[in-house]
Every structure is written in C-alpha cells, then in structure tokens.
Amino acid sequence: MLTFALQVPGGQQVYIDPDTGAVKYTQAHSAAQPEGSIQTGWTVSPGNGFGILSNSNGPFIACPAENDSYQVFIGLECVDFDDACLSFDALTSNVTEAGAWQYS
C-alpha cells in the first residue's frame, strides 16, 4: 500500500483503477475504493538523493487531461494508450512534514 504524508486524519490511500489503469487516491476520511482496485506492486528503489517509485503492474504513463494537466496511469496490459501519452520515471523524496492537508 502506498500512502502520502498528509495532515488529514486517517490519511489517504493510493490505488490503481483496474479498468483504466488510472492512479487515484481515496477521499479524505474514507478507505472506499472501486471493486477490483489494485493496491499492490509499489516499490521505492534508492537513487542519488531521491528514490525511484515503480509499480510491478506496469510503467508510469501520463496522458493529457483538462486544463493543460496530465492524468497519471499505470500501463496495465488490458489498457491501450493514445500516442499523446508519455511514459516517465517517478521520483520520490523523504519528507518530515506533511505536504498538504489532503488531495482532491
């Protein structure tokens, strides 16, 4: 299970939508997830002053979304992605303080 350093009581969990591969997180104060959600496969490998986040279910992929933003996906074998999508490496860092109250 992957979690974030947040201030909201109970935190939020990260999961992969089993139909689309979208990386999502639970609502604050709730652990509710769609049936079949994937929570496993997350690992952090040490890097030079950072970590490299990966998931054994597939590579990270970012696809254009609304308002010049991107939606992050895990490249599940059952999902096809548009040519406008990009694969990328996700980096992590160790923090001692929460970065946000919650994500929405």
N, C-alpha and C. Protein backbone atom coordinates (compact mmCIF):
# COMPACT_ATOMS: atom_id res chain seq x y z
N MET A 1 0.85 -1.17 0.00
CA MET A 1 0.00 0.00 0.00
C MET A 1 0.89 1.24 0.00
N LEU A 2 0.50 2.23 -0.78
CA LEU A 2 1.24 3.49 -0.87
C LEU A 2 0.40 4.58 -0.20
N THR A 3 1.03 5.36 0.66
CA THR A 3 0.33 6.46 1.33
C THR A 3 1.14 7.74 1.18
N PHE A 4 0.50 8.86 1.43
CA PHE A 4 1.14 10.17 1.37
C PHE A 4 1.29 10.74 2.77
N ALA A 5 2.24 11.66 2.94
CA ALA A 5 2.39 12.38 4.21
C ALA A 5 1.39 13.54 4.19
N LEU A 6 0.24 13.33 4.81
CA LEU A 6 -0.84 14.31 4.83
C LEU A 6 -1.23 14.63 6.27
N GLN A 7 -1.94 15.73 6.42
CA GLN A 7 -2.41 16.12 7.74
C GLN A 7 -3.80 15.59 8.05
N VAL A 8 -4.60 15.27 7.05
CA VAL A 8 -5.98 14.85 7.28
C VAL A 8 -6.00 13.55 8.10
N PRO A 9 -6.82 13.51 9.15
CA PRO A 9 -6.90 12.30 9.98
C PRO A 9 -7.28 11.09 9.13
N GLY A 10 -6.57 10.01 9.33
CA GLY A 10 -6.84 8.79 8.58
C GLY A 10 -6.08 8.71 7.28
N GLY A 11 -5.54 9.84 6.80
CA GLY A 11 -4.74 9.85 5.57
C GLY A 11 -5.55 9.47 4.33
N GLN A 12 -4.85 9.21 3.26
CA GLN A 12 -5.45 8.78 2.01
C GLN A 12 -4.58 7.68 1.43
N GLN A 13 -5.21 6.72 0.76
CA GLN A 13 -4.50 5.61 0.15
C GLN A 13 -4.48 5.76 -1.37
N VAL A 14 -3.43 5.27 -1.98
CA VAL A 14 -3.30 5.31 -3.44
C VAL A 14 -3.72 3.95 -3.98
N TYR A 15 -4.42 3.95 -5.12
CA TYR A 15 -4.81 2.70 -5.77
C TYR A 15 -4.82 2.89 -7.29
N ILE A 16 -4.86 1.79 -8.00
CA ILE A 16 -4.92 1.80 -9.46
C ILE A 16 -6.30 1.32 -9.87
N ASP A 17 -6.98 2.10 -10.72
CA ASP A 17 -8.28 1.69 -11.24
C ASP A 17 -8.06 0.47 -12.14
N PRO A 18 -8.74 -0.65 -11.87
CA PRO A 18 -8.48 -1.88 -12.62
C PRO A 18 -8.94 -1.84 -14.08
N ASP A 19 -9.83 -0.91 -14.42
CA ASP A 19 -10.35 -0.83 -15.79
C ASP A 19 -9.56 0.12 -16.67
N THR A 20 -9.05 1.21 -16.08
CA THR A 20 -8.37 2.24 -16.87
C THR A 20 -6.88 2.34 -16.59
N GLY A 21 -6.43 1.82 -15.45
CA GLY A 21 -5.04 1.96 -15.04
C GLY A 21 -4.76 3.30 -14.37
N ALA A 22 -5.78 4.16 -14.21
CA ALA A 22 -5.58 5.48 -13.60
C ALA A 22 -5.11 5.33 -12.15
N VAL A 23 -4.11 6.12 -11.80
CA VAL A 23 -3.63 6.17 -10.41
C VAL A 23 -4.52 7.17 -9.69
N LYS A 24 -5.17 6.71 -8.64
CA LYS A 24 -6.12 7.54 -7.90
C LYS A 24 -5.85 7.41 -6.41
N TYR A 25 -6.53 8.21 -5.61
CA TYR A 25 -6.41 8.12 -4.18
C TYR A 25 -7.79 8.24 -3.57
N THR A 26 -7.94 7.65 -2.40
CA THR A 26 -9.22 7.66 -1.72
C THR A 26 -9.55 9.07 -1.24
N GLN A 27 -10.81 9.31 -1.02
CA GLN A 27 -11.25 10.57 -0.44
C GLN A 27 -10.78 10.64 1.01
N ALA A 28 -10.60 11.83 1.51
CA ALA A 28 -10.21 12.01 2.91
C ALA A 28 -11.25 11.36 3.82
N HIS A 29 -10.80 10.77 4.91
CA HIS A 29 -11.64 10.12 5.91
C HIS A 29 -12.32 8.85 5.40
N SER A 30 -11.87 8.31 4.27
CA SER A 30 -12.51 7.12 3.71
C SER A 30 -11.47 6.21 3.08
N ALA A 31 -11.66 4.92 3.23
CA ALA A 31 -10.79 3.94 2.57
C ALA A 31 -11.52 3.31 1.40
N ALA A 32 -12.71 3.84 1.04
CA ALA A 32 -13.53 3.26 -0.02
C ALA A 32 -12.82 3.34 -1.38
N GLN A 33 -12.85 2.22 -2.09
CA GLN A 33 -12.25 2.12 -3.42
C GLN A 33 -13.16 1.28 -4.30
N PRO A 34 -13.08 1.47 -5.63
CA PRO A 34 -13.88 0.63 -6.52
C PRO A 34 -13.48 -0.85 -6.38
N GLU A 35 -14.42 -1.74 -6.62
CA GLU A 35 -14.14 -3.17 -6.57
C GLU A 35 -13.05 -3.53 -7.57
N GLY A 36 -12.11 -4.35 -7.15
CA GLY A 36 -11.03 -4.78 -8.03
C GLY A 36 -9.84 -3.84 -8.08
N SER A 37 -9.88 -2.75 -7.30
CA SER A 37 -8.77 -1.79 -7.28
C SER A 37 -7.47 -2.49 -6.92
N ILE A 38 -6.38 -2.02 -7.51
CA ILE A 38 -5.06 -2.60 -7.28
C ILE A 38 -4.30 -1.71 -6.30
N GLN A 39 -3.89 -2.27 -5.17
CA GLN A 39 -3.15 -1.52 -4.16
C GLN A 39 -1.71 -1.98 -4.07
N THR A 40 -1.38 -3.08 -4.70
CA THR A 40 -0.07 -3.69 -4.52
C THR A 40 0.89 -3.36 -5.66
N GLY A 41 2.14 -3.74 -5.46
CA GLY A 41 3.14 -3.60 -6.50
C GLY A 41 4.03 -2.39 -6.38
N TRP A 42 3.75 -1.51 -5.41
CA TRP A 42 4.53 -0.28 -5.25
C TRP A 42 5.87 -0.58 -4.59
N THR A 43 6.94 -0.04 -5.16
CA THR A 43 8.27 -0.13 -4.55
C THR A 43 9.01 1.18 -4.77
N VAL A 44 9.92 1.47 -3.86
CA VAL A 44 10.80 2.62 -3.99
C VAL A 44 12.23 2.10 -3.96
N SER A 45 12.97 2.35 -5.03
CA SER A 45 14.38 1.97 -5.10
C SER A 45 15.23 3.19 -4.78
N PRO A 46 16.31 3.01 -4.05
CA PRO A 46 17.16 4.15 -3.72
C PRO A 46 17.80 4.76 -4.96
N GLY A 47 17.89 6.08 -4.95
CA GLY A 47 18.58 6.81 -6.01
C GLY A 47 19.61 7.71 -5.38
N ASN A 48 20.13 8.63 -6.13
CA ASN A 48 21.14 9.57 -5.66
C ASN A 48 20.45 10.77 -5.02
N GLY A 49 20.10 10.69 -3.73
CA GLY A 49 19.40 11.77 -3.05
C GLY A 49 17.89 11.72 -3.21
N PHE A 50 17.39 10.69 -3.84
CA PHE A 50 15.96 10.54 -4.07
C PHE A 50 15.66 9.05 -4.21
N GLY A 51 14.41 8.72 -4.41
CA GLY A 51 14.02 7.34 -4.68
C GLY A 51 13.30 7.27 -6.00
N ILE A 52 13.27 6.09 -6.58
CA ILE A 52 12.55 5.87 -7.83
C ILE A 52 11.34 5.01 -7.52
N LEU A 53 10.15 5.57 -7.71
CA LEU A 53 8.89 4.87 -7.44
C LEU A 53 8.53 4.04 -8.66
N SER A 54 8.14 2.81 -8.43
CA SER A 54 7.70 1.96 -9.54
C SER A 54 6.54 1.10 -9.08
N ASN A 55 5.91 0.46 -10.06
CA ASN A 55 4.82 -0.46 -9.76
C ASN A 55 4.98 -1.68 -10.65
N SER A 56 4.93 -2.86 -10.06
CA SER A 56 5.16 -4.10 -10.80
C SER A 56 4.03 -4.41 -11.78
N ASN A 57 2.92 -3.67 -11.72
CA ASN A 57 1.81 -3.90 -12.63
C ASN A 57 2.02 -3.24 -13.99
N GLY A 58 3.00 -2.34 -14.11
CA GLY A 58 3.29 -1.68 -15.38
C GLY A 58 4.02 -0.37 -15.19
N PRO A 59 4.41 0.26 -16.30
CA PRO A 59 5.15 1.53 -16.23
C PRO A 59 4.22 2.71 -15.94
N PHE A 60 4.80 3.81 -15.49
CA PHE A 60 4.04 5.05 -15.32
C PHE A 60 3.81 5.68 -16.69
N ILE A 61 2.60 6.16 -16.91
CA ILE A 61 2.22 6.82 -18.15
C ILE A 61 1.41 8.05 -17.80
N ALA A 62 1.68 9.17 -18.46
CA ALA A 62 0.93 10.41 -18.25
C ALA A 62 0.24 10.78 -19.55
N CYS A 63 -1.06 11.05 -19.47
CA CYS A 63 -1.84 11.41 -20.65
C CYS A 63 -2.45 12.80 -20.45
N PRO A 64 -2.51 13.60 -21.52
CA PRO A 64 -3.11 14.93 -21.41
C PRO A 64 -4.54 14.85 -20.86
N ALA A 65 -4.85 15.79 -19.98
CA ALA A 65 -6.18 15.88 -19.37
C ALA A 65 -6.65 17.33 -19.46
N GLU A 66 -7.68 17.68 -18.72
CA GLU A 66 -8.24 19.03 -18.75
C GLU A 66 -7.27 20.06 -18.21
N ASN A 67 -7.45 21.31 -18.64
CA ASN A 67 -6.72 22.47 -18.10
C ASN A 67 -5.20 22.32 -18.17
N ASP A 68 -4.71 21.79 -19.30
CA ASP A 68 -3.26 21.64 -19.50
C ASP A 68 -2.59 20.81 -18.41
N SER A 69 -3.30 19.84 -17.87
CA SER A 69 -2.74 18.96 -16.86
C SER A 69 -2.61 17.55 -17.44
N TYR A 70 -2.11 16.63 -16.64
CA TYR A 70 -1.95 15.24 -17.05
C TYR A 70 -2.58 14.32 -16.03
N GLN A 71 -3.12 13.19 -16.49
CA GLN A 71 -3.60 12.12 -15.63
C GLN A 71 -2.52 11.05 -15.63
N VAL A 72 -2.17 10.56 -14.45
CA VAL A 72 -1.16 9.52 -14.32
C VAL A 72 -1.84 8.15 -14.34
N PHE A 73 -1.25 7.23 -15.08
CA PHE A 73 -1.74 5.87 -15.20
C PHE A 73 -0.60 4.89 -14.94
N ILE A 74 -0.98 3.65 -14.66
CA ILE A 74 -0.04 2.54 -14.70
C ILE A 74 -0.41 1.76 -15.96
N GLY A 75 0.57 1.46 -16.78
CA GLY A 75 0.33 0.81 -18.07
C GLY A 75 -0.07 -0.64 -17.93
N LEU A 76 -1.31 -0.88 -17.52
CA LEU A 76 -1.81 -2.24 -17.40
C LEU A 76 -1.91 -2.86 -18.79
N GLU A 77 -1.69 -4.17 -18.89
CA GLU A 77 -1.74 -4.87 -20.18
C GLU A 77 -3.11 -4.77 -20.84
N CYS A 78 -4.17 -4.60 -20.07
CA CYS A 78 -5.53 -4.58 -20.61
C CYS A 78 -5.95 -3.20 -21.13
N VAL A 79 -5.06 -2.21 -21.06
CA VAL A 79 -5.41 -0.83 -21.44
C VAL A 79 -4.51 -0.35 -22.57
N ASP A 80 -5.14 0.27 -23.60
CA ASP A 80 -4.40 0.89 -24.70
C ASP A 80 -4.32 2.39 -24.44
N PHE A 81 -3.18 3.00 -24.78
CA PHE A 81 -2.98 4.42 -24.56
C PHE A 81 -2.74 5.14 -25.87
N ASP A 82 -3.20 6.38 -25.93
CA ASP A 82 -3.06 7.25 -27.10
C ASP A 82 -1.59 7.63 -27.31
N ASP A 83 -1.24 7.98 -28.55
CA ASP A 83 0.13 8.40 -28.85
C ASP A 83 0.52 9.70 -28.14
N ALA A 84 -0.44 10.46 -27.67
CA ALA A 84 -0.15 11.71 -26.94
C ALA A 84 0.33 11.44 -25.51
N CYS A 85 0.21 10.20 -25.05
CA CYS A 85 0.63 9.85 -23.70
C CYS A 85 2.14 9.61 -23.67
N LEU A 86 2.72 9.86 -22.51
CA LEU A 86 4.16 9.74 -22.32
C LEU A 86 4.48 8.80 -21.17
N SER A 87 5.48 7.96 -21.33
CA SER A 87 5.94 7.17 -20.19
C SER A 87 6.96 8.01 -19.43
N PHE A 88 7.08 7.77 -18.12
CA PHE A 88 8.02 8.56 -17.32
C PHE A 88 8.44 7.78 -16.09
N ASP A 89 9.53 8.24 -15.48
CA ASP A 89 10.00 7.70 -14.21
C ASP A 89 9.51 8.62 -13.10
N ALA A 90 9.02 8.05 -12.02
CA ALA A 90 8.52 8.83 -10.89
C ALA A 90 9.57 8.84 -9.79
N LEU A 91 9.92 10.03 -9.32
CA LEU A 91 10.92 10.19 -8.26
C LEU A 91 10.24 10.51 -6.94
N THR A 92 10.87 10.11 -5.85
CA THR A 92 10.36 10.38 -4.51
C THR A 92 11.43 11.08 -3.68
N SER A 93 11.01 11.66 -2.59
CA SER A 93 11.96 12.21 -1.62
C SER A 93 11.42 11.95 -0.23
N ASN A 94 12.31 11.85 0.73
CA ASN A 94 11.90 11.68 2.12
C ASN A 94 11.51 13.03 2.68
N VAL A 95 10.39 13.09 3.36
CA VAL A 95 9.93 14.33 3.98
C VAL A 95 9.66 14.08 5.46
N THR A 96 9.77 15.14 6.23
CA THR A 96 9.49 15.02 7.65
C THR A 96 8.21 15.75 8.04
N GLU A 97 7.64 16.52 7.11
CA GLU A 97 6.39 17.23 7.37
C GLU A 97 5.38 16.94 6.27
N ALA A 98 4.12 17.03 6.61
CA ALA A 98 3.06 16.81 5.64
C ALA A 98 3.11 17.89 4.57
N GLY A 99 2.89 17.48 3.31
CA GLY A 99 2.93 18.42 2.20
C GLY A 99 1.59 19.06 1.90
N ALA A 100 0.52 18.51 2.46
CA ALA A 100 -0.83 19.06 2.20
C ALA A 100 -1.78 18.53 3.28
N TRP A 101 -2.93 19.20 3.38
CA TRP A 101 -3.97 18.70 4.27
C TRP A 101 -4.55 17.43 3.70
N GLN A 102 -4.95 17.48 2.41
CA GLN A 102 -5.48 16.33 1.69
C GLN A 102 -5.35 16.59 0.20
N TYR A 103 -5.49 15.52 -0.58
CA TYR A 103 -5.53 15.66 -2.05
C TYR A 103 -6.95 15.46 -2.51
N SER A 104 -7.36 16.23 -3.53
CA SER A 104 -8.73 16.07 -4.04
C SER A 104 -8.72 16.03 -5.55
